[in-house]
Amino acid sequence: MTLHQTLPDDLRAALSAGVEAGFDRQIALTREMVGHASQRGQEAGVQALLFAELEGRGLDMARVPPNRQALAAHPGAGKWSDAHSTVPVVIGTHQPREETGRSLILQGHVDVVPTGPEALWSSPPYAAEIRDGRIYGRGAGDMKSGLACAIAALDALRACGWQPAARVHLASVVEEESTGNGAMMMHLAGYRADAALIPEPTGESLVRANTGVIWFRVEFSGIPCHVSRMGEGENAIDAAIRTIEAMRGLERIWNDRRHEHPLFAGLAKPVNLNVGRIEGGEWASSVPATAAVDFRISLLPGWSAAQCAAEIERHLRDFAEADPYLSQNPPRLVWNGFMAEGYALEEGSAAETVLSRAHAATTGQSLPSHVMPAYLDARVNVLYEQIPALNYGPVAGVLHGIDEWVEIASLRRVTLAIALFIAEWCGLEPAEALRTG
């Protein structure tokens, strides 16, 4: 096969058969990955599993632990706290005999968000139960199944006697749900390629743009006393409630600016402020002395995270100065996670063209695209490496919610599309025997 030409039909048929032959193994790996309760800081087990899986496929293996000093020096890194994960990124690199094709990063994250009340789930959240053509479980959709698709795509190529004729970095990262620092560490460690493909659960559609995200925490102190004399105290929870409503004002201001980015101008509310966690108080009959609120807010592509953070700080300060109690007892603002800018993917890149052909060959339809008002690790590749980063993955649902799922039939299609993409983007050479020992 000549590099960069449209793939012949017989290769597509062979790869389809290769995907099918390995599909039971792929589903078993997906379910095993879901079975690891890899919430933030607890990803070591699933990373060990993936290290062994990739090493067994003959890839050159590396572990990249977080470098706190290097992250602090980069403007795109999230703000570190002791709550964040120190589990290393796992990277397996395929090296061709001769580099004749275009290199590629295949990347996915294995950290998952908390399950919420497990009693609400139809089956245990880490059981990876299969029913009605879906795998259910926390991380099944977001995004362990997508990472398994990337691994299985390389397996399908090898089953046909081929391997990429270019360097491929297959990475399993952490901290995608908190800071983006896992993908950032891969960047800081010097891993580069001509394009990236990240199989997030996009519904077999290409993400054209995504918002940036900032996390922040606001802490309040009150004046405790017995509720019978509460007029002599100050309620920290009441202060938090007043502040939440004030911060909704900033959300409205930012949404009124949505016309600044044409891809988001048509959305009614692309900027979302989420009150993700609230705590406070000591006793039902005591005026609370403390309270704290964790916020998440999005920002449009092109907006500076540093400038948006300054605007958050200014908005909070202006409100506090006008509040009779908070003007004398100002709340404490803490940056405790994402400080990430959004990105827009340039249309018509060579990588997008190749993915479009792969998707059409798999589904018989043209490649759709959409914008996503959420964080994606692809921003590291687009903003700091200036390469096309394609977020394209399976159909999934109830992400971050109860009974999260991924569609099994979609996993077949996405795996084949990724295999076809690799074949055309990277080119192919005859596969080497697996290295062992």
Protein backbone atom coordinates (compact mmCIF):
# COMPACT_ATOMS: atom_id res chain seq x y z
CA MET A 1 0.00 0.00 0.00
CA THR A 2 1.26 3.48 -0.87
CA LEU A 3 1.28 5.88 2.05
CA HIS A 4 -1.47 8.52 2.24
CA GLN A 5 -3.60 7.02 -0.52
CA THR A 6 -7.18 5.93 0.06
CA LEU A 7 -7.12 2.45 1.57
CA PRO A 8 -8.09 -0.49 -0.65
CA ASP A 9 -11.35 -2.28 0.07
CA ASP A 10 -9.61 -5.55 0.85
CA LEU A 11 -7.65 -3.92 3.69
CA ARG A 12 -10.84 -2.48 5.12
CA ALA A 13 -12.42 -5.95 5.02
CA ALA A 14 -9.36 -7.51 6.62
CA LEU A 15 -9.29 -4.92 9.39
CA SER A 16 -13.00 -5.39 10.00
CA ALA A 17 -12.36 -9.11 10.42
CA GLY A 18 -9.42 -8.34 12.70
CA VAL A 19 -11.59 -6.12 14.90
CA GLU A 20 -14.23 -8.83 15.10
CA ALA A 21 -11.68 -11.53 15.93
CA GLY A 22 -10.34 -9.52 18.84
CA PHE A 23 -13.63 -8.06 20.02
CA ASP A 24 -14.30 -10.44 22.90
CA ARG A 25 -10.81 -9.70 24.22
CA GLN A 26 -11.47 -5.97 23.81
CA ILE A 27 -14.73 -6.15 25.77
CA ALA A 28 -13.04 -8.22 28.48
CA LEU A 29 -10.27 -5.61 28.80
CA THR A 30 -12.83 -2.81 28.93
CA ARG A 31 -14.75 -4.52 31.70
CA GLU A 32 -11.55 -5.24 33.63
CA MET A 33 -10.59 -1.58 33.37
CA VAL A 34 -14.03 -0.47 34.57
CA GLY A 35 -13.65 -2.88 37.48
CA HIS A 36 -10.84 -0.73 38.87
CA ALA A 37 -12.39 2.01 41.00
CA SER A 38 -9.96 4.60 39.68
CA GLN A 39 -11.22 7.79 41.23
CA ARG A 40 -8.70 10.58 41.66
CA GLY A 41 -5.57 9.31 43.37
CA GLN A 42 -6.68 5.67 43.05
CA GLU A 43 -5.57 5.00 39.48
CA ALA A 44 -2.50 2.86 40.28
CA GLY A 45 -4.31 -0.44 39.78
CA VAL A 46 -5.70 0.30 36.34
CA GLN A 47 -2.41 1.89 35.29
CA ALA A 48 -0.55 -1.27 36.30
CA LEU A 49 -3.03 -3.29 34.24
CA LEU A 50 -2.49 -1.11 31.18
CA PHE A 51 1.29 -1.08 31.58
CA ALA A 52 1.26 -4.89 31.47
CA GLU A 53 -1.15 -4.95 28.51
CA LEU A 54 0.95 -2.55 26.42
CA GLU A 55 4.25 -4.11 27.44
CA GLY A 56 2.87 -7.49 26.39
CA ARG A 57 2.24 -6.04 22.95
CA GLY A 58 5.92 -5.17 22.56
CA LEU A 59 5.67 -1.42 23.04
CA ASP A 60 8.50 0.59 24.59
CA MET A 61 7.16 1.46 28.01
CA ALA A 62 7.54 4.50 30.23
CA ARG A 63 5.96 5.91 33.36
CA VAL A 64 5.83 9.70 33.74
CA PRO A 65 5.12 10.88 37.29
CA PRO A 66 3.83 14.40 37.94
CA ASN A 67 6.52 17.05 38.26
CA ARG A 68 5.05 19.65 40.55
CA GLN A 69 7.68 22.28 39.80
CA ALA A 70 7.37 21.90 36.02
CA LEU A 71 3.58 22.02 36.21
CA ALA A 72 3.62 25.16 38.35
CA ALA A 73 5.79 26.87 35.74
CA HIS A 74 3.39 26.17 32.85
CA PRO A 75 0.44 28.55 32.39
CA GLY A 76 -1.82 25.77 31.12
CA ALA A 77 -1.39 23.44 34.09
CA GLY A 78 -4.04 23.06 36.74
CA LYS A 79 -3.49 24.34 40.26
CA TRP A 80 -2.01 21.62 42.42
CA SER A 81 -3.28 20.54 45.81
CA ASP A 82 -2.64 17.52 47.99
CA ALA A 83 -5.99 16.11 46.82
CA HIS A 84 -4.70 15.62 43.28
CA SER A 85 -3.26 12.40 41.92
CA THR A 86 0.43 11.51 41.96
CA VAL A 87 -0.07 8.31 39.92
CA PRO A 88 2.22 8.31 36.85
CA VAL A 89 1.05 8.53 33.27
CA VAL A 90 1.64 5.26 31.38
CA ILE A 91 2.95 5.52 27.81
CA GLY A 92 3.67 2.72 25.37
CA THR A 93 5.53 3.70 22.20
CA HIS A 94 5.54 1.80 18.93
CA GLN A 95 8.73 2.36 16.93
CA PRO A 96 8.61 1.33 13.25
CA ARG A 97 11.56 -0.24 11.50
CA GLU A 98 11.64 2.77 9.20
CA GLU A 99 9.84 6.07 9.85
CA THR A 100 8.00 6.68 6.58
CA GLY A 101 4.60 7.77 7.87
CA ARG A 102 3.14 10.48 10.08
CA SER A 103 3.43 10.05 13.83
CA LEU A 104 0.46 9.86 16.17
CA ILE A 105 -0.56 10.21 19.80
CA LEU A 106 -3.40 7.92 20.92
CA GLN A 107 -4.47 9.03 24.37
CA GLY A 108 -7.16 8.38 26.92
CA HIS A 109 -7.74 9.00 30.61
CA VAL A 110 -8.51 6.40 33.24
CA ASP A 111 -9.47 8.63 36.17
CA VAL A 112 -13.19 8.67 36.89
CA VAL A 113 -15.51 10.88 38.90
CA PRO A 114 -17.21 9.64 42.10
CA THR A 115 -20.15 7.30 41.65
CA GLY A 116 -22.72 9.22 43.66
CA PRO A 117 -25.09 7.14 45.83
CA GLU A 118 -24.43 3.54 44.78
CA ALA A 119 -27.94 2.51 45.85
CA LEU A 120 -29.30 4.49 42.88
CA TRP A 121 -27.38 2.36 40.36
CA SER A 122 -29.17 -0.51 38.65
CA SER A 123 -26.02 -2.61 39.10
CA PRO A 124 -22.86 -1.94 41.12
CA PRO A 125 -21.00 0.94 39.46
CA TYR A 126 -17.76 -1.01 39.01
CA ALA A 127 -19.35 -4.33 38.01
CA ALA A 128 -19.26 -3.45 34.27
CA GLU A 129 -22.51 -5.32 33.75
CA ILE A 130 -23.62 -5.99 30.18
CA ARG A 131 -27.31 -5.65 29.36
CA ASP A 132 -29.36 -4.42 26.40
CA GLY A 133 -26.29 -4.01 24.21
CA ARG A 134 -24.48 -1.75 26.63
CA ILE A 135 -21.74 -1.92 29.25
CA TYR A 136 -22.80 -0.13 32.43
CA GLY A 137 -20.39 1.30 34.96
CA ARG A 138 -18.50 4.33 36.10
CA GLY A 139 -15.88 5.03 33.44
CA ALA A 140 -17.45 2.67 30.90
CA GLY A 141 -18.22 5.64 28.69
CA ASP A 142 -15.90 8.29 30.06
CA MET A 143 -13.59 6.95 28.85
CA LYS A 144 -12.07 3.53 29.49
CA SER A 145 -13.90 1.93 26.57
CA GLY A 146 -12.42 4.49 24.19
CA LEU A 147 -8.90 3.75 25.37
CA ALA A 148 -9.59 0.04 24.86
CA CYS A 149 -10.74 0.88 21.30
CA ALA A 150 -7.33 2.45 20.56
CA ILE A 151 -5.50 -0.61 21.89
CA ALA A 152 -7.77 -2.95 19.93
CA ALA A 153 -7.26 -0.93 16.74
CA LEU A 154 -3.51 -1.62 16.90
CA ASP A 155 -4.29 -5.27 17.67
CA ALA A 156 -6.48 -5.46 14.55
CA LEU A 157 -3.66 -4.13 12.39
CA ARG A 158 -1.28 -6.72 13.77
CA ALA A 159 -3.85 -9.47 13.24
CA CYS A 160 -3.75 -8.53 9.55
CA GLY A 161 0.05 -8.66 9.52
CA TRP A 162 0.62 -4.90 9.64
CA GLN A 163 1.94 -2.27 12.01
CA PRO A 164 2.17 1.53 11.75
CA ALA A 165 5.04 2.84 9.62
CA ALA A 166 5.44 5.72 12.06
CA ARG A 167 5.97 6.32 15.74
CA VAL A 168 2.80 5.93 17.82
CA HIS A 169 2.55 6.95 21.48
CA LEU A 170 -0.33 5.20 23.24
CA ALA A 171 -0.90 6.98 26.54
CA SER A 172 -3.09 6.38 29.57
CA VAL A 173 -3.28 9.59 31.58
CA VAL A 174 -4.78 10.65 34.90
CA GLU A 175 -6.15 13.96 36.22
CA GLU A 176 -8.36 14.63 33.20
CA GLU A 177 -11.29 15.16 35.54
CA SER A 178 -9.51 17.60 37.86
CA THR A 179 -6.66 19.56 36.33
CA GLY A 180 -5.62 18.21 32.93
CA ASN A 181 -2.17 17.72 34.45
CA GLY A 182 -1.78 14.13 33.21
CA ALA A 183 -1.92 15.18 29.56
CA MET A 184 0.18 18.22 30.43
CA MET A 185 2.88 15.99 31.94
CA MET A 186 3.05 14.00 28.72
CA HIS A 187 3.62 17.30 26.92
CA LEU A 188 6.21 18.46 29.44
CA ALA A 189 8.03 15.13 29.14
CA GLY A 190 8.55 15.86 25.44
CA TYR A 191 6.19 13.41 23.75
CA ARG A 192 5.27 14.85 20.35
CA ALA A 193 3.58 13.70 17.16
CA ASP A 194 2.06 15.02 13.96
CA ALA A 195 -1.49 14.52 15.24
CA ALA A 196 -3.42 13.20 18.22
CA LEU A 197 -6.57 11.11 18.40
CA ILE A 198 -8.42 10.92 21.72
CA PRO A 199 -11.41 8.52 21.74
CA GLU A 200 -13.59 10.39 24.23
CA PRO A 201 -17.29 9.38 24.11
CA THR A 202 -18.33 11.84 21.40
CA GLY A 203 -21.11 9.80 19.79
CA GLU A 204 -18.99 8.99 16.73
CA SER A 205 -18.72 12.70 15.99
CA LEU A 206 -15.70 15.00 15.85
CA VAL A 207 -15.46 17.69 18.50
CA ARG A 208 -14.94 20.97 16.68
CA ALA A 209 -14.33 23.07 19.79
CA ASN A 210 -14.55 22.89 23.56
CA THR A 211 -14.68 25.33 26.41
CA GLY A 212 -11.96 25.91 28.94
CA VAL A 213 -12.58 25.31 32.63
CA ILE A 214 -11.58 26.97 35.90
CA TRP A 215 -12.08 25.43 39.31
CA PHE A 216 -12.11 27.56 42.45
CA ARG A 217 -13.10 27.29 46.09
CA VAL A 218 -14.46 30.06 48.29
CA GLU A 219 -14.09 29.69 52.06
CA PHE A 220 -16.10 31.63 54.64
CA SER A 221 -15.76 32.30 58.35
CA GLY A 222 -18.72 33.18 60.54
CA ILE A 223 -19.31 34.17 64.13
CA PRO A 224 -20.69 31.16 66.01
CA CYS A 225 -23.21 31.39 68.81
CA HIS A 226 -26.33 29.67 70.12
CA VAL A 227 -29.27 29.96 67.75
CA SER A 228 -31.36 31.53 70.50
CA ARG A 229 -29.08 34.57 70.18
CA MET A 230 -28.26 34.25 66.48
CA GLY A 231 -28.54 37.98 65.96
CA GLU A 232 -25.25 38.25 67.84
CA GLY A 233 -23.52 35.88 65.39
CA GLU A 234 -22.92 35.64 61.66
CA ASN A 235 -23.88 32.54 59.69
CA ALA A 236 -21.09 31.34 57.38
CA ILE A 237 -23.54 29.20 55.37
CA ASP A 238 -25.82 32.18 54.78
CA ALA A 239 -22.78 34.08 53.52
CA ALA A 240 -22.00 31.22 51.15
CA ILE A 241 -25.56 31.22 49.80
CA ARG A 242 -25.41 34.95 49.13
CA THR A 243 -22.11 34.47 47.33
CA ILE A 244 -23.43 31.66 45.14
CA GLU A 245 -26.14 33.96 43.83
CA ALA A 246 -23.58 36.71 43.25
CA MET A 247 -21.42 34.36 41.20
CA ARG A 248 -24.46 33.50 39.07
CA GLY A 249 -24.25 37.13 38.00
CA LEU A 250 -20.81 36.50 36.51
CA GLU A 251 -22.18 33.45 34.69
CA ARG A 252 -24.85 35.66 33.10
CA ILE A 253 -22.28 38.26 32.09
CA TRP A 254 -20.07 35.66 30.42
CA ASN A 255 -23.00 34.05 28.59
CA ASP A 256 -23.97 37.47 27.25
CA ARG A 257 -20.52 37.45 25.61
CA ARG A 258 -21.07 34.14 23.79
CA HIS A 259 -21.20 35.96 20.45
CA GLU A 260 -17.42 36.44 20.81
CA HIS A 261 -16.95 32.90 19.48
CA PRO A 262 -19.00 31.95 16.41
CA LEU A 263 -19.09 28.24 17.21
CA PHE A 264 -20.75 28.92 20.57
CA ALA A 265 -22.82 31.98 19.67
CA GLY A 266 -25.86 29.86 18.84
CA LEU A 267 -25.92 28.04 22.17
CA ALA A 268 -28.30 29.45 24.75
CA LYS A 269 -25.90 28.86 27.64
CA PRO A 270 -22.38 27.72 26.71
CA VAL A 271 -20.90 29.03 29.96
CA ASN A 272 -21.97 27.02 32.98
CA LEU A 273 -21.18 27.79 36.60
CA ASN A 274 -21.57 24.66 38.70
CA VAL A 275 -21.80 24.57 42.47
CA GLY A 276 -20.13 21.19 42.73
CA ARG A 277 -19.64 20.84 46.45
CA ILE A 278 -20.69 22.73 49.55
CA GLU A 279 -19.77 22.13 53.16
CA GLY A 280 -20.12 23.94 56.43
CA GLY A 281 -21.51 24.13 59.89
CA GLU A 282 -20.90 22.21 63.07
CA TRP A 283 -24.28 21.70 64.76
CA ALA A 284 -27.95 22.26 63.89
CA SER A 285 -28.45 24.50 66.93
CA SER A 286 -25.25 26.50 66.45
CA VAL A 287 -24.73 29.39 64.08
CA PRO A 288 -22.04 27.93 61.78
CA ALA A 289 -18.50 29.20 62.02
CA THR A 290 -17.29 27.85 58.68
CA ALA A 291 -18.49 27.10 55.17
CA ALA A 292 -16.89 26.46 51.79
CA VAL A 293 -18.13 26.13 48.21
CA ASP A 294 -16.35 24.46 45.29
CA PHE A 295 -17.20 26.07 41.93
CA ARG A 296 -16.54 25.13 38.32
CA ILE A 297 -17.02 27.62 35.49
CA SER A 298 -16.38 27.35 31.76
CA LEU A 299 -14.79 29.89 29.42
CA LEU A 300 -14.98 30.22 25.66
CA PRO A 301 -12.07 29.44 23.33
CA GLY A 302 -9.85 32.47 22.95
CA TRP A 303 -10.50 33.71 26.47
CA SER A 304 -7.41 33.91 28.64
CA ALA A 305 -7.65 31.70 31.72
CA ALA A 306 -5.51 34.16 33.66
CA GLN A 307 -7.74 37.07 32.71
CA CYS A 308 -10.89 35.09 33.52
CA ALA A 309 -9.43 34.15 36.92
CA ALA A 310 -8.75 37.83 37.56
CA GLU A 311 -12.35 38.61 36.62
CA ILE A 312 -13.62 35.96 39.04
CA GLU A 313 -11.48 37.46 41.78
CA ARG A 314 -12.71 40.98 40.98
CA HIS A 315 -16.36 39.94 40.86
CA LEU A 316 -16.08 38.17 44.21
CA ARG A 317 -14.25 41.11 45.77
CA ASP A 318 -16.81 43.65 44.51
CA PHE A 319 -19.66 41.60 45.94
CA ALA A 320 -17.92 41.08 49.28
CA GLU A 321 -17.14 44.78 49.63
CA ALA A 322 -20.84 45.59 49.24
CA ASP A 323 -21.94 42.94 51.76
CA PRO A 324 -22.19 44.29 55.34
CA TYR A 325 -20.57 41.24 56.91
CA LEU A 326 -18.21 40.05 54.18
CA SER A 327 -16.79 43.54 53.74
CA GLN A 328 -15.32 43.15 57.22
CA ASN A 329 -14.68 39.41 56.94
CA PRO A 330 -13.75 38.78 53.29
CA PRO A 331 -14.00 35.23 51.99
CA ARG A 332 -10.87 33.35 50.94
CA LEU A 333 -10.51 32.43 47.26
CA VAL A 334 -8.53 29.27 46.45
CA TRP A 335 -7.64 27.99 42.96
CA ASN A 336 -7.89 24.22 43.37
CA GLY A 337 -7.89 22.53 39.97
CA PHE A 338 -8.44 23.39 36.31
CA MET A 339 -6.97 26.59 34.93
CA ALA A 340 -7.48 25.51 31.33
CA GLU A 341 -8.27 27.44 28.18
CA GLY A 342 -10.58 26.13 25.49
CA TYR A 343 -9.69 25.45 21.88
CA ALA A 344 -11.20 25.38 18.41
CA LEU A 345 -9.99 22.80 15.92
CA GLU A 346 -8.94 24.23 12.58
CA GLU A 347 -11.17 22.87 9.83
CA GLY A 348 -9.82 20.89 6.92
CA SER A 349 -6.59 19.54 8.41
CA ALA A 350 -5.05 16.49 6.79
CA ALA A 351 -5.79 14.50 9.96
CA GLU A 352 -9.47 15.45 9.86
CA THR A 353 -9.64 14.47 6.19
CA VAL A 354 -8.20 11.04 6.98
CA LEU A 355 -10.60 10.56 9.90
CA SER A 356 -13.51 11.58 7.68
CA ARG A 357 -12.57 8.85 5.22
CA ALA A 358 -12.18 6.30 8.01
CA HIS A 359 -15.55 7.20 9.50
CA ALA A 360 -17.27 7.06 6.09
CA ALA A 361 -15.70 3.69 5.28
CA THR A 362 -16.94 2.34 8.61
CA THR A 363 -20.43 3.84 8.79
CA GLY A 364 -21.27 4.82 5.22
CA GLN A 365 -21.97 8.35 6.42
CA SER A 366 -20.09 11.65 6.46
CA LEU A 367 -18.30 12.61 9.65
CA PRO A 368 -20.46 14.87 11.85
CA SER A 369 -18.99 17.44 14.21
CA HIS A 370 -20.17 19.38 17.23
CA VAL A 371 -18.97 21.72 19.94
CA MET A 372 -18.68 20.61 23.54
CA PRO A 373 -19.10 23.01 26.49
CA ALA A 374 -16.77 20.90 28.64
CA TYR A 375 -13.09 20.22 29.23
CA LEU A 376 -11.06 17.95 26.93
CA ASP A 377 -7.37 16.99 27.14
CA ALA A 378 -7.00 17.71 23.42
CA ARG A 379 -6.50 21.37 24.35
CA VAL A 380 -2.90 20.50 25.34
CA ASN A 381 -2.10 19.26 21.83
CA VAL A 382 -3.94 22.06 20.02
CA LEU A 383 -2.82 25.00 22.16
CA TYR A 384 0.73 24.03 23.11
CA GLU A 385 1.85 21.71 20.30
CA GLN A 386 -0.15 23.29 17.45
CA ILE A 387 -1.19 19.93 16.02
CA PRO A 388 -4.65 18.65 15.08
CA ALA A 389 -6.18 16.77 18.01
CA LEU A 390 -9.23 14.71 17.09
CA ASN A 391 -11.72 13.88 19.81
CA TYR A 392 -13.70 11.02 18.28
CA GLY A 393 -15.14 8.10 20.19
CA PRO A 394 -18.13 5.88 20.93
CA VAL A 395 -21.77 6.47 21.71
CA ALA A 396 -22.21 6.67 25.48
CA GLY A 397 -24.63 8.16 27.96
CA VAL A 398 -25.26 9.44 31.49
CA LEU A 399 -21.61 10.49 31.85
CA HIS A 400 -20.84 11.58 35.45
CA GLY A 401 -24.34 10.38 36.37
CA ILE A 402 -26.13 7.26 37.58
CA ASP A 403 -25.99 4.17 35.32
CA GLU A 404 -23.32 5.50 32.96
CA TRP A 405 -23.12 3.32 29.85
CA VAL A 406 -21.40 2.77 26.50
CA GLU A 407 -22.95 1.15 23.43
CA ILE A 408 -21.19 -2.08 22.47
CA ALA A 409 -22.03 -1.87 18.75
CA SER A 410 -20.49 1.59 18.67
CA LEU A 411 -17.25 0.21 20.10
CA ARG A 412 -16.93 -2.06 17.04
CA ARG A 413 -17.39 0.86 14.67
CA VAL A 414 -15.06 3.20 16.50
CA THR A 415 -12.32 0.56 16.76
CA LEU A 416 -12.49 -0.08 13.01
CA ALA A 417 -12.50 3.67 12.26
CA ILE A 418 -9.41 4.18 14.43
CA ALA A 419 -7.65 1.24 12.76
CA LEU A 420 -8.42 2.68 9.32
CA PHE A 421 -7.26 6.11 10.46
CA ILE A 422 -3.95 4.71 11.75
CA ALA A 423 -3.42 2.76 8.53
CA GLU A 424 -3.79 5.82 6.30
CA TRP A 425 -2.29 8.45 8.63
CA CYS A 426 0.75 6.48 9.75
CA GLY A 427 1.15 4.21 6.75
CA LEU A 428 1.82 0.50 7.19
CA GLU A 429 4.73 -1.89 7.19
CA PRO A 430 4.79 -5.64 7.80
CA ALA A 431 4.37 -6.42 11.49
CA GLU A 432 7.31 -7.60 13.53
CA ALA A 433 7.00 -10.58 15.82
CA LEU A 434 6.06 -9.59 19.35
CA ARG A 435 9.03 -9.01 21.60
CA THR A 436 8.98 -11.11 24.75
CA GLY A 437 11.07 -11.50 27.85
